[in-house]
Amino acid sequence: MQSSDKFSIATPADWRPGDEVIVPAPGSCGAAKERMESKDEMHCYDWFFYTKKISKEDIKKELNTKG
């Protein structure tokens, strides 16, 4: 839950740090179009469903954990 809050993402069931996370849907048609045309690290399944990878190291760094 800390990762969800810190990175503004949702985590699938059985999620482990380093697995793909779910990015919230865009707030407008224009934002959806920008995302779909973007070359970001996001994987676009449809205009409303995106996933991306956040590395285990980035999560540890942001949450200041050792595990």
Protein backbone atom coordinates (compact mmCIF):
# COMPACT_ATOMS: atom_id res chain seq x y z
CA MET A 1 0.00 0.00 0.00
CA GLN A 2 2.93 2.34 0.60
CA SER A 3 4.07 1.82 -2.99
CA SER A 4 0.58 2.55 -4.30
CA ASP A 5 0.44 5.78 -2.33
CA LYS A 6 4.00 6.93 -3.10
CA PHE A 7 3.91 6.23 -6.86
CA SER A 8 0.18 6.89 -7.50
CA ILE A 9 -0.33 3.43 -8.97
CA ALA A 10 -2.39 0.32 -8.30
CA THR A 11 -0.88 -3.09 -7.68
CA PRO A 12 -2.35 -6.34 -9.00
CA ALA A 13 -3.08 -9.31 -6.73
CA ASP A 14 0.10 -11.13 -5.62
CA TRP A 15 2.23 -8.15 -6.72
CA ARG A 16 5.90 -8.15 -5.75
CA PRO A 17 8.27 -5.16 -5.98
CA GLY A 18 9.72 -5.11 -9.48
CA ASP A 19 6.57 -6.52 -11.15
CA GLU A 20 4.43 -4.37 -13.44
CA VAL A 21 1.98 -1.97 -11.80
CA ILE A 22 -1.27 -0.49 -13.06
CA VAL A 23 -1.29 3.20 -13.96
CA PRO A 24 -4.59 5.02 -13.24
CA ALA A 25 -6.71 5.94 -16.26
CA PRO A 26 -6.12 9.39 -17.75
CA GLY A 27 -8.48 12.16 -16.74
CA SER A 28 -9.39 13.37 -20.23
CA CYS A 29 -9.48 12.35 -23.89
CA GLY A 30 -6.51 14.63 -24.57
CA ALA A 31 -4.44 13.01 -21.83
CA ALA A 32 -5.38 9.55 -23.13
CA LYS A 33 -4.27 10.49 -26.64
CA GLU A 34 -0.95 11.85 -25.33
CA ARG A 35 -0.33 8.65 -23.39
CA MET A 36 -1.14 6.43 -26.36
CA GLU A 37 1.25 8.40 -28.59
CA SER A 38 3.94 8.64 -25.92
CA LYS A 39 7.13 6.62 -26.08
CA ASP A 40 7.24 6.30 -22.27
CA GLU A 41 7.98 3.06 -20.52
CA MET A 42 4.24 2.38 -20.18
CA HIS A 43 2.58 -0.54 -21.90
CA CYS A 44 -0.75 0.55 -23.38
CA TYR A 45 -3.45 -2.13 -23.66
CA ASP A 46 -6.24 0.34 -24.42
CA TRP A 47 -6.90 4.07 -23.85
CA PHE A 48 -7.87 3.41 -20.23
CA PHE A 49 -5.51 0.56 -19.23
CA TYR A 50 -1.76 1.04 -18.85
CA THR A 51 0.94 -0.79 -16.97
CA LYS A 52 4.55 0.06 -16.29
CA LYS A 53 7.50 -1.36 -14.46
CA ILE A 54 8.96 0.25 -11.37
CA SER A 55 12.24 -1.33 -10.39
CA LYS A 56 12.64 -2.98 -7.03
CA GLU A 57 15.55 -0.63 -6.34
CA ASP A 58 13.44 2.49 -7.03
CA ILE A 59 10.77 1.25 -4.66
CA LYS A 60 13.30 0.53 -1.93
CA LYS A 61 14.92 3.92 -2.40
CA GLU A 62 11.65 5.85 -2.25
CA LEU A 63 10.33 3.92 0.73
CA ASN A 64 13.70 3.72 2.51
CA THR A 65 13.46 -0.02 3.06
CA LYS A 66 16.16 -2.66 3.21
CA GLY A 67 14.13 -5.79 2.31
